[in-house]
PDB file of all heavy atoms in Angstrom:
ATOM      1  N   GLU A   1      14.900 -20.599   5.044  1.00  0.00           N
ATOM      2  CA  GLU A   1      14.984 -21.832   5.755  1.00  0.00           C
ATOM      3  C   GLU A   1      15.480 -21.672   7.189  1.00  0.00           C
ATOM      4  O   GLU A   1      15.550 -22.623   7.959  1.00  0.00           O
ATOM      5  CB  GLU A   1      15.924 -22.808   4.997  1.00  0.00           C
ATOM      6  CG  GLU A   1      15.410 -23.175   3.605  1.00  0.00           C
ATOM      7  CD  GLU A   1      16.339 -24.154   2.911  1.00  0.00           C
ATOM      8  OE1 GLU A   1      17.422 -24.448   3.484  1.00  0.00           O
ATOM      9  OE2 GLU A   1      16.022 -24.623   1.807  1.00  0.00           O
ATOM     10  N   THR A   2      15.819 -20.435   7.525  1.00  0.00           N
ATOM     11  CA  THR A   2      16.373 -20.174   8.859  1.00  0.00           C
ATOM     12  C   THR A   2      15.328 -19.491   9.762  1.00  0.00           C
ATOM     13  O   THR A   2      15.523 -19.424  10.980  1.00  0.00           O
ATOM     14  CB  THR A   2      17.636 -19.302   8.750  1.00  0.00           C
ATOM     15  OG1 THR A   2      17.302 -18.047   8.131  1.00  0.00           O
ATOM     16  CG2 THR A   2      18.725 -19.994   7.976  1.00  0.00           C
ATOM     17  N   VAL A   3      14.261 -18.945   9.146  1.00  0.00           N
ATOM     18  CA  VAL A   3      13.196 -18.278   9.894  1.00  0.00           C
ATOM     19  C   VAL A   3      12.008 -19.131   9.806  1.00  0.00           C
ATOM     20  O   VAL A   3      11.100 -18.931   9.002  1.00  0.00           O
ATOM     21  CB  VAL A   3      12.926 -16.846   9.386  1.00  0.00           C
ATOM     22  CG1 VAL A   3      11.947 -16.155  10.305  1.00  0.00           C
ATOM     23  CG2 VAL A   3      14.217 -16.034   9.294  1.00  0.00           C
ATOM     24  N   LEU A   4      11.910 -20.183  10.646  1.00  0.00           N
ATOM     25  CA  LEU A   4      10.820 -21.145  10.559  1.00  0.00           C
ATOM     26  C   LEU A   4       9.648 -20.655  11.410  1.00  0.00           C
ATOM     27  O   LEU A   4       9.803 -20.035  12.455  1.00  0.00           O
ATOM     28  CB  LEU A   4      11.297 -22.526  11.083  1.00  0.00           C
ATOM     29  CG  LEU A   4      12.462 -23.134  10.301  1.00  0.00           C
ATOM     30  CD1 LEU A   4      12.863 -24.445  10.913  1.00  0.00           C
ATOM     31  CD2 LEU A   4      12.098 -23.321   8.834  1.00  0.00           C
ATOM     32  N   GLY A   5       8.421 -20.974  10.949  1.00  0.00           N
ATOM     33  CA  GLY A   5       7.241 -20.624  11.689  1.00  0.00           C
ATOM     34  C   GLY A   5       6.787 -19.208  11.533  1.00  0.00           C
ATOM     35  O   GLY A   5       5.856 -18.772  12.184  1.00  0.00           O
ATOM     36  N   ARG A   6       7.493 -18.431  10.695  1.00  0.00           N
ATOM     37  CA  ARG A   6       7.081 -17.014  10.552  1.00  0.00           C
ATOM     38  C   ARG A   6       6.686 -16.733   9.094  1.00  0.00           C
ATOM     39  O   ARG A   6       6.764 -15.596   8.656  1.00  0.00           O
ATOM     40  CB  ARG A   6       8.266 -16.115  10.935  1.00  0.00           C
ATOM     41  CG  ARG A   6       8.727 -16.212  12.354  1.00  0.00           C
ATOM     42  CD  ARG A   6       7.599 -15.894  13.324  1.00  0.00           C
ATOM     43  NE  ARG A   6       7.049 -14.576  13.166  1.00  0.00           N
ATOM     44  CZ  ARG A   6       7.606 -13.499  13.737  1.00  0.00           C
ATOM     45  NH1 ARG A   6       8.654 -13.607  14.517  1.00  0.00           N
ATOM     46  NH2 ARG A   6       7.052 -12.335  13.542  1.00  0.00           N
ATOM     47  N   GLU A   7       6.261 -17.763   8.368  1.00  0.00           N
ATOM     48  CA  GLU A   7       5.858 -17.539   6.982  1.00  0.00           C
ATOM     49  C   GLU A   7       4.723 -16.527   6.861  1.00  0.00           C
ATOM     50  O   GLU A   7       4.666 -15.808   5.887  1.00  0.00           O
ATOM     51  CB  GLU A   7       5.432 -18.892   6.366  1.00  0.00           C
ATOM     52  CG  GLU A   7       6.584 -19.929   6.257  1.00  0.00           C
ATOM     53  CD  GLU A   7       6.712 -20.742   7.509  1.00  0.00           C
ATOM     54  OE1 GLU A   7       5.975 -20.457   8.464  1.00  0.00           O
ATOM     55  OE2 GLU A   7       7.539 -21.642   7.549  1.00  0.00           O
ATOM     56  N   ASN A   8       3.842 -16.581   7.823  1.00  0.00           N
ATOM     57  CA  ASN A   8       2.676 -15.671   7.782  1.00  0.00           C
ATOM     58  C   ASN A   8       3.025 -14.246   8.087  1.00  0.00           C
ATOM     59  O   ASN A   8       2.184 -13.356   7.955  1.00  0.00           O
ATOM     60  CB  ASN A   8       1.601 -16.134   8.762  1.00  0.00           C
ATOM     61  CG  ASN A   8       0.894 -17.426   8.277  1.00  0.00           C
ATOM     62  OD1 ASN A   8       1.264 -17.952   7.225  1.00  0.00           O
ATOM     63  ND2 ASN A   8      -0.024 -17.939   9.028  1.00  0.00           N
ATOM     64  N   LEU A   9       4.303 -14.001   8.476  1.00  0.00           N
ATOM     65  CA  LEU A   9       4.746 -12.619   8.644  1.00  0.00           C
ATOM     66  C   LEU A   9       4.664 -11.883   7.302  1.00  0.00           C
ATOM     67  O   LEU A   9       4.483 -10.654   7.273  1.00  0.00           O
ATOM     68  CB  LEU A   9       6.168 -12.615   9.192  1.00  0.00           C
ATOM     69  CG  LEU A   9       6.849 -11.248   9.288  1.00  0.00           C
ATOM     70  CD1 LEU A   9       6.098 -10.312  10.265  1.00  0.00           C
ATOM     71  CD2 LEU A   9       8.296 -11.373   9.716  1.00  0.00           C
ATOM     72  N   ALA A  10       4.795 -12.640   6.180  1.00  0.00           N
ATOM     73  CA  ALA A  10       4.684 -12.027   4.881  1.00  0.00           C
ATOM     74  C   ALA A  10       3.336 -11.356   4.678  1.00  0.00           C
ATOM     75  O   ALA A  10       3.257 -10.287   4.043  1.00  0.00           O
ATOM     76  CB  ALA A  10       4.935 -13.075   3.801  1.00  0.00           C
ATOM     77  N   GLY A  11       2.285 -11.946   5.203  1.00  0.00           N
ATOM     78  CA  GLY A  11       0.964 -11.319   5.104  1.00  0.00           C
ATOM     79  C   GLY A  11       0.897 -10.017   5.839  1.00  0.00           C
ATOM     80  O   GLY A  11       0.256  -9.056   5.344  1.00  0.00           O
ATOM     81  N   ALA A  12       1.509  -9.927   6.990  1.00  0.00           N
ATOM     82  CA  ALA A  12       1.522  -8.656   7.767  1.00  0.00           C
ATOM     83  C   ALA A  12       2.330  -7.590   7.013  1.00  0.00           C
ATOM     84  O   ALA A  12       1.926  -6.419   6.974  1.00  0.00           O
ATOM     85  CB  ALA A  12       2.089  -8.892   9.156  1.00  0.00           C
ATOM     86  N   LEU A  13       3.459  -8.003   6.425  1.00  0.00           N
ATOM     87  CA  LEU A  13       4.251  -7.068   5.629  1.00  0.00           C
ATOM     88  C   LEU A  13       3.439  -6.592   4.401  1.00  0.00           C
ATOM     89  O   LEU A  13       3.517  -5.441   4.026  1.00  0.00           O
ATOM     90  CB  LEU A  13       5.544  -7.716   5.178  1.00  0.00           C
ATOM     91  CG  LEU A  13       6.568  -8.054   6.302  1.00  0.00           C
ATOM     92  CD1 LEU A  13       7.699  -8.883   5.748  1.00  0.00           C
ATOM     93  CD2 LEU A  13       7.087  -6.817   6.946  1.00  0.00           C
ATOM     94  N   ALA A  14       2.766  -7.523   3.765  1.00  0.00           N
ATOM     95  CA  ALA A  14       1.908  -7.132   2.638  1.00  0.00           C
ATOM     96  C   ALA A  14       0.838  -6.164   3.047  1.00  0.00           C
ATOM     97  O   ALA A  14       0.553  -5.213   2.300  1.00  0.00           O
ATOM     98  CB  ALA A  14       1.296  -8.406   2.016  1.00  0.00           C
ATOM     99  N   LEU A  15       0.270  -6.332   4.239  1.00  0.00           N
ATOM    100  CA  LEU A  15      -0.718  -5.407   4.705  1.00  0.00           C
ATOM    101  C   LEU A  15      -0.125  -4.035   4.881  1.00  0.00           C
ATOM    102  O   LEU A  15      -0.755  -2.994   4.537  1.00  0.00           O
ATOM    103  CB  LEU A  15      -1.298  -5.927   6.040  1.00  0.00           C
ATOM    104  CG  LEU A  15      -2.289  -4.968   6.739  1.00  0.00           C
ATOM    105  CD1 LEU A  15      -3.503  -4.727   5.865  1.00  0.00           C
ATOM    106  CD2 LEU A  15      -2.713  -5.556   8.072  1.00  0.00           C
ATOM    107  N   GLY A  16       1.094  -3.943   5.432  1.00  0.00           N
ATOM    108  CA  GLY A  16       1.744  -2.671   5.576  1.00  0.00           C
ATOM    109  C   GLY A  16       1.989  -1.996   4.257  1.00  0.00           C
ATOM    110  O   GLY A  16       1.778  -0.785   4.106  1.00  0.00           O
ATOM    111  N   MET A  17       2.382  -2.780   3.226  1.00  0.00           N
ATOM    112  CA  MET A  17       2.598  -2.206   1.896  1.00  0.00           C
ATOM    113  C   MET A  17       1.306  -1.732   1.334  1.00  0.00           C
ATOM    114  O   MET A  17       1.240  -0.683   0.652  1.00  0.00           O
ATOM    115  CB  MET A  17       3.222  -3.272   1.014  1.00  0.00           C
ATOM    116  CG  MET A  17       4.685  -3.530   1.206  1.00  0.00           C
ATOM    117  SD  MET A  17       5.414  -4.467  -0.128  1.00  0.00           S
ATOM    118  CE  MET A  17       5.357  -3.212  -1.456  1.00  0.00           C
ATOM    119  N   ILE A  18       0.227  -2.491   1.506  1.00  0.00           N
ATOM    120  CA  ILE A  18      -1.066  -2.161   0.934  1.00  0.00           C
ATOM    121  C   ILE A  18      -1.560  -0.815   1.546  1.00  0.00           C
ATOM    122  O   ILE A  18      -2.088   0.055   0.870  1.00  0.00           O
ATOM    123  CB  ILE A  18      -2.088  -3.254   1.176  1.00  0.00           C
ATOM    124  CG1 ILE A  18      -1.754  -4.457   0.302  1.00  0.00           C
ATOM    125  CG2 ILE A  18      -3.513  -2.786   0.868  1.00  0.00           C
ATOM    126  CD1 ILE A  18      -2.581  -5.678   0.586  1.00  0.00           C
ATOM    127  N   VAL A  19      -1.350  -0.637   2.856  1.00  0.00           N
ATOM    128  CA  VAL A  19      -1.771   0.576   3.504  1.00  0.00           C
ATOM    129  C   VAL A  19      -1.007   1.798   2.934  1.00  0.00           C
ATOM    130  O   VAL A  19      -1.606   2.812   2.587  1.00  0.00           O
ATOM    131  CB  VAL A  19      -1.541   0.487   5.049  1.00  0.00           C
ATOM    132  CG1 VAL A  19      -1.745   1.829   5.706  1.00  0.00           C
ATOM    133  CG2 VAL A  19      -2.463  -0.527   5.654  1.00  0.00           C
ATOM    134  N   VAL A  20       0.329   1.640   2.766  1.00  0.00           N
ATOM    135  CA  VAL A  20       1.149   2.735   2.252  1.00  0.00           C
ATOM    136  C   VAL A  20       0.711   3.082   0.816  1.00  0.00           C
ATOM    137  O   VAL A  20       0.495   4.288   0.485  1.00  0.00           O
ATOM    138  CB  VAL A  20       2.628   2.397   2.300  1.00  0.00           C
ATOM    139  CG1 VAL A  20       3.448   3.447   1.568  1.00  0.00           C
ATOM    140  CG2 VAL A  20       3.090   2.254   3.727  1.00  0.00           C
ATOM    141  N   VAL A  21       0.610   2.092  -0.019  1.00  0.00           N
ATOM    142  CA  VAL A  21       0.239   2.327  -1.430  1.00  0.00           C
ATOM    143  C   VAL A  21      -1.160   2.830  -1.513  1.00  0.00           C
ATOM    144  O   VAL A  21      -1.462   3.696  -2.356  1.00  0.00           O
ATOM    145  CB  VAL A  21       0.434   1.003  -2.261  1.00  0.00           C
ATOM    146  CG1 VAL A  21      -0.092   1.192  -3.672  1.00  0.00           C
ATOM    147  CG2 VAL A  21       1.872   0.590  -2.285  1.00  0.00           C
ATOM    148  N   ALA A  22      -2.084   2.367  -0.682  1.00  0.00           N
ATOM    149  CA  ALA A  22      -3.470   2.840  -0.710  1.00  0.00           C
ATOM    150  C   ALA A  22      -3.547   4.336  -0.376  1.00  0.00           C
ATOM    151  O   ALA A  22      -4.286   5.087  -1.012  1.00  0.00           O
ATOM    152  CB  ALA A  22      -4.344   2.034   0.230  1.00  0.00           C
ATOM    153  N   VAL A  23      -2.766   4.732   0.638  1.00  0.00           N
ATOM    154  CA  VAL A  23      -2.749   6.186   1.016  1.00  0.00           C
ATOM    155  C   VAL A  23      -2.227   7.011  -0.137  1.00  0.00           C
ATOM    156  O   VAL A  23      -2.787   8.059  -0.491  1.00  0.00           O
ATOM    157  CB  VAL A  23      -1.894   6.352   2.274  1.00  0.00           C
ATOM    158  CG1 VAL A  23      -1.706   7.860   2.530  1.00  0.00           C
ATOM    159  CG2 VAL A  23      -2.584   5.705   3.503  1.00  0.00           C
ATOM    160  N   VAL A  24      -1.129   6.556  -0.757  1.00  0.00           N
ATOM    161  CA  VAL A  24      -0.488   7.289  -1.832  1.00  0.00           C
ATOM    162  C   VAL A  24      -1.450   7.385  -3.032  1.00  0.00           C
ATOM    163  O   VAL A  24      -1.626   8.441  -3.631  1.00  0.00           O
ATOM    164  CB  VAL A  24       0.846   6.669  -2.247  1.00  0.00           C
ATOM    165  CG1 VAL A  24       1.379   7.350  -3.506  1.00  0.00           C
ATOM    166  CG2 VAL A  24       1.835   6.762  -1.113  1.00  0.00           C
ATOM    167  N   MET A  25      -2.071   6.275  -3.398  1.00  0.00           N
ATOM    168  CA  MET A  25      -2.965   6.278  -4.552  1.00  0.00           C
ATOM    169  C   MET A  25      -4.262   7.058  -4.290  1.00  0.00           C
ATOM    170  O   MET A  25      -4.837   7.637  -5.238  1.00  0.00           O
ATOM    171  CB  MET A  25      -3.271   4.832  -4.965  1.00  0.00           C
ATOM    172  CG  MET A  25      -2.062   4.058  -5.471  1.00  0.00           C
ATOM    173  SD  MET A  25      -1.071   4.926  -6.706  1.00  0.00           S
ATOM    174  CE  MET A  25      -2.264   5.053  -8.048  1.00  0.00           C
ATOM    175  N   THR A  26      -4.682   7.119  -3.066  1.00  0.00           N
ATOM    176  CA  THR A  26      -5.857   7.987  -2.726  1.00  0.00           C
ATOM    177  C   THR A  26      -5.485   9.434  -2.936  1.00  0.00           C
ATOM    178  O   THR A  26      -6.271  10.209  -3.485  1.00  0.00           O
ATOM    179  CB  THR A  26      -6.299   7.728  -1.283  1.00  0.00           C
ATOM    180  OG1 THR A  26      -6.683   6.335  -1.150  1.00  0.00           O
ATOM    181  CG2 THR A  26      -7.473   8.618  -0.942  1.00  0.00           C
ATOM    182  N   MET A  27      -4.299   9.795  -2.457  1.00  0.00           N
ATOM    183  CA  MET A  27      -3.829  11.187  -2.656  1.00  0.00           C
ATOM    184  C   MET A  27      -3.685  11.442  -4.167  1.00  0.00           C
ATOM    185  O   MET A  27      -4.039  12.554  -4.641  1.00  0.00           O
ATOM    186  CB  MET A  27      -2.508  11.391  -1.944  1.00  0.00           C
ATOM    187  CG  MET A  27      -2.571  11.268  -0.436  1.00  0.00           C
ATOM    188  SD  MET A  27      -0.919  11.281   0.339  1.00  0.00           S
ATOM    189  CE  MET A  27      -0.268  12.838  -0.238  1.00  0.00           C
ATOM    190  N   TYR A  28      -3.187  10.465  -4.913  1.00  0.00           N
ATOM    191  CA  TYR A  28      -3.042  10.624  -6.349  1.00  0.00           C
ATOM    192  C   TYR A  28      -4.380  10.877  -7.025  1.00  0.00           C
ATOM    193  O   TYR A  28      -4.521  11.736  -7.894  1.00  0.00           O
ATOM    194  CB  TYR A  28      -2.399   9.371  -6.950  1.00  0.00           C
ATOM    195  CG  TYR A  28      -2.456   9.278  -8.462  1.00  0.00           C
ATOM    196  CD1 TYR A  28      -1.588  10.002  -9.258  1.00  0.00           C
ATOM    197  CD2 TYR A  28      -3.393   8.426  -9.074  1.00  0.00           C
ATOM    198  CE1 TYR A  28      -1.662   9.924 -10.670  1.00  0.00           C
ATOM    199  CE2 TYR A  28      -3.469   8.367 -10.466  1.00  0.00           C
ATOM    200  CZ  TYR A  28      -2.600   9.083 -11.220  1.00  0.00           C
ATOM    201  OH  TYR A  28      -2.667   9.034 -12.594  1.00  0.00           O
ATOM    202  N   ALA A  29      -5.409  10.072  -6.607  1.00  0.00           N
ATOM    203  CA  ALA A  29      -6.741  10.268  -7.218  1.00  0.00           C
ATOM    204  C   ALA A  29      -7.321  11.625  -6.927  1.00  0.00           C
ATOM    205  O   ALA A  29      -7.936  12.279  -7.786  1.00  0.00           O
ATOM    206  CB  ALA A  29      -7.680   9.147  -6.703  1.00  0.00           C
ATOM    207  N   LEU A  30      -7.117  12.115  -5.680  1.00  0.00           N
ATOM    208  CA  LEU A  30      -7.638  13.420  -5.330  1.00  0.00           C
ATOM    209  C   LEU A  30      -6.936  14.547  -6.115  1.00  0.00           C
ATOM    210  O   LEU A  30      -7.588  15.482  -6.615  1.00  0.00           O
ATOM    211  CB  LEU A  30      -7.483  13.647  -3.839  1.00  0.00           C
ATOM    212  CG  LEU A  30      -8.283  12.745  -2.903  1.00  0.00           C
ATOM    213  CD1 LEU A  30      -7.958  12.973  -1.438  1.00  0.00           C
ATOM    214  CD2 LEU A  30      -9.794  12.939  -3.149  1.00  0.00           C
ATOM    215  N   VAL A  31      -5.616  14.460  -6.193  1.00  0.00           N
ATOM    216  CA  VAL A  31      -4.863  15.472  -6.915  1.00  0.00           C
ATOM    217  C   VAL A  31      -5.192  15.430  -8.431  1.00  0.00           C
ATOM    218  O   VAL A  31      -5.342  16.436  -9.083  1.00  0.00           O
ATOM    219  CB  VAL A  31      -3.346  15.271  -6.711  1.00  0.00           C
ATOM    220  CG1 VAL A  31      -2.545  16.252  -7.587  1.00  0.00           C
ATOM    221  CG2 VAL A  31      -3.029  15.521  -5.227  1.00  0.00           C
ATOM    222  N   GLN A  32      -5.311  14.182  -8.965  1.00  0.00           N
ATOM    223  CA  GLN A  32      -5.605  14.060 -10.387  1.00  0.00           C
ATOM    224  C   GLN A  32      -7.004  14.574 -10.723  1.00  0.00           C
ATOM    225  O   GLN A  32      -7.223  15.132 -11.807  1.00  0.00           O
ATOM    226  CB  GLN A  32      -5.522  12.564 -10.800  1.00  0.00           C
ATOM    227  CG  GLN A  32      -5.654  12.325 -12.280  1.00  0.00           C
ATOM    228  CD  GLN A  32      -4.510  12.976 -13.075  1.00  0.00           C
ATOM    229  OE1 GLN A  32      -3.464  13.190 -12.558  1.00  0.00           O
ATOM    230  NE2 GLN A  32      -4.805  13.320 -14.317  1.00  0.00           N
ATOM    231  N   ARG A  33      -7.916  14.456  -9.766  1.00  0.00           N
ATOM    232  CA  ARG A  33      -9.268  14.984  -9.976  1.00  0.00           C
ATOM    233  C   ARG A  33      -9.238  16.529 -10.097  1.00  0.00           C
ATOM    234  O   ARG A  33      -9.895  17.125 -10.935  1.00  0.00           O
ATOM    235  CB  ARG A  33     -10.206  14.573  -8.850  1.00  0.00           C
ATOM    236  CG  ARG A  33     -11.632  15.044  -9.020  1.00  0.00           C
ATOM    237  CD  ARG A  33     -12.456  14.631  -7.811  1.00  0.00           C
ATOM    238  NE  ARG A  33     -12.407  13.201  -7.588  1.00  0.00           N
ATOM    239  CZ  ARG A  33     -12.948  12.573  -6.563  1.00  0.00           C
ATOM    240  NH1 ARG A  33     -13.616  13.309  -5.610  1.00  0.00           N
ATOM    241  NH2 ARG A  33     -12.874  11.241  -6.409  1.00  0.00           N
ATOM    242  N   ARG A  34      -8.371  17.088  -9.261  1.00  0.00           N
ATOM    243  CA  ARG A  34      -8.219  18.559  -9.331  1.00  0.00           C
ATOM    244  C   ARG A  34      -7.560  18.989 -10.623  1.00  0.00           C
ATOM    245  O   ARG A  34      -7.928  19.985 -11.271  1.00  0.00           O
ATOM    246  CB  ARG A  34      -7.422  19.056  -8.170  1.00  0.00           C
ATOM    247  CG  ARG A  34      -7.216  20.573  -8.137  1.00  0.00           C
ATOM    248  CD  ARG A  34      -6.421  21.037  -6.895  1.00  0.00           C
ATOM    249  NE  ARG A  34      -6.215  22.468  -6.867  1.00  0.00           N
ATOM    250  CZ  ARG A  34      -7.078  23.325  -6.399  1.00  0.00           C
ATOM    251  NH1 ARG A  34      -8.229  22.936  -5.928  1.00  0.00           N
ATOM    252  NH2 ARG A  34      -6.809  24.632  -6.443  1.00  0.00           N
ATOM    253  N   ALA A  35      -6.564  18.198 -11.064  1.00  0.00           N
ATOM    254  CA  ALA A  35      -5.849  18.583 -12.294  1.00  0.00           C
ATOM    255  C   ALA A  35      -6.770  18.394 -13.507  1.00  0.00           C
ATOM    256  O   ALA A  35      -6.614  19.092 -14.507  1.00  0.00           O
ATOM    257  CB  ALA A  35      -4.630  17.668 -12.478  1.00  0.00           C
ATOM    258  N   ALA A  36      -7.725  17.462 -13.414  1.00  0.00           N
ATOM    259  CA  ALA A  36      -8.631  17.197 -14.583  1.00  0.00           C
ATOM    260  C   ALA A  36      -9.610  18.383 -14.825  1.00  0.00           C
ATOM    261  O   ALA A  36     -10.163  18.459 -15.937  1.00  0.00           O
ATOM    262  CB  ALA A  36      -9.390  15.944 -14.367  1.00  0.00           C
ATOM    263  N   ARG A  37      -9.726  19.270 -13.871  1.00  0.00           N
ATOM    264  CA  ARG A  37     -10.698  20.384 -14.023  1.00  0.00           C
ATOM    265  C   ARG A  37     -10.298  21.304 -15.177  1.00  0.00           C
ATOM    266  O   ARG A  37     -11.096  21.669 -16.035  1.00  0.00           O
ATOM    267  CB  ARG A  37     -10.767  21.200 -12.729  1.00  0.00           C
ATOM    268  CG  ARG A  37     -11.360  20.419 -11.532  1.00  0.00           C
ATOM    269  CD  ARG A  37     -11.381  21.290 -10.290  1.00  0.00           C
ATOM    270  NE  ARG A  37     -11.858  20.596  -9.125  1.00  0.00           N
ATOM    271  CZ  ARG A  37     -11.910  21.124  -7.909  1.00  0.00           C
ATOM    272  NH1 ARG A  37     -11.505  22.336  -7.689  1.00  0.00           N
ATOM    273  NH2 ARG A  37     -12.369  20.386  -6.903  1.00  0.00           N
ATOM    274  N   TRP A  38      -9.015  21.662 -15.220  1.00  0.00           N
ATOM    275  CA  TRP A  38      -8.567  22.587 -16.304  1.00  0.00           C
ATOM    276  C   TRP A  38      -8.233  21.840 -17.541  1.00  0.00           C
ATOM    277  O   TRP A  38      -8.325  22.342 -18.657  1.00  0.00           O
ATOM    278  CB  TRP A  38      -7.405  23.397 -15.825  1.00  0.00           C
ATOM    279  CG  TRP A  38      -6.114  22.674 -15.623  1.00  0.00           C
ATOM    280  CD1 TRP A  38      -5.681  22.086 -14.472  1.00  0.00           C
ATOM    281  CD2 TRP A  38      -5.116  22.402 -16.618  1.00  0.00           C
ATOM    282  NE1 TRP A  38      -4.445  21.482 -14.686  1.00  0.00           N
ATOM    283  CE2 TRP A  38      -4.105  21.645 -16.009  1.00  0.00           C
ATOM    284  CE3 TRP A  38      -4.983  22.696 -17.991  1.00  0.00           C
ATOM    285  CZ2 TRP A  38      -2.979  21.223 -16.692  1.00  0.00           C
ATOM    286  CZ3 TRP A  38      -3.896  22.245 -18.682  1.00  0.00           C
ATOM    287  CH2 TRP A  38      -2.885  21.529 -18.033  1.00  0.00           C
TER     288      TRP A  38
END
C-alpha cells in the first residue's frame, strides 16, 4: 500500500525469474540428455 502505481513491476520481476529458470532448465535438459546415454 506504500508503493503505488508500480504494481506492474511484478511482471518485470517475473520476467527476470523466468529468464533465470529457463536458462537453468535448458542446461538441465542438455546435461540430462547426456546422462541418459549410458
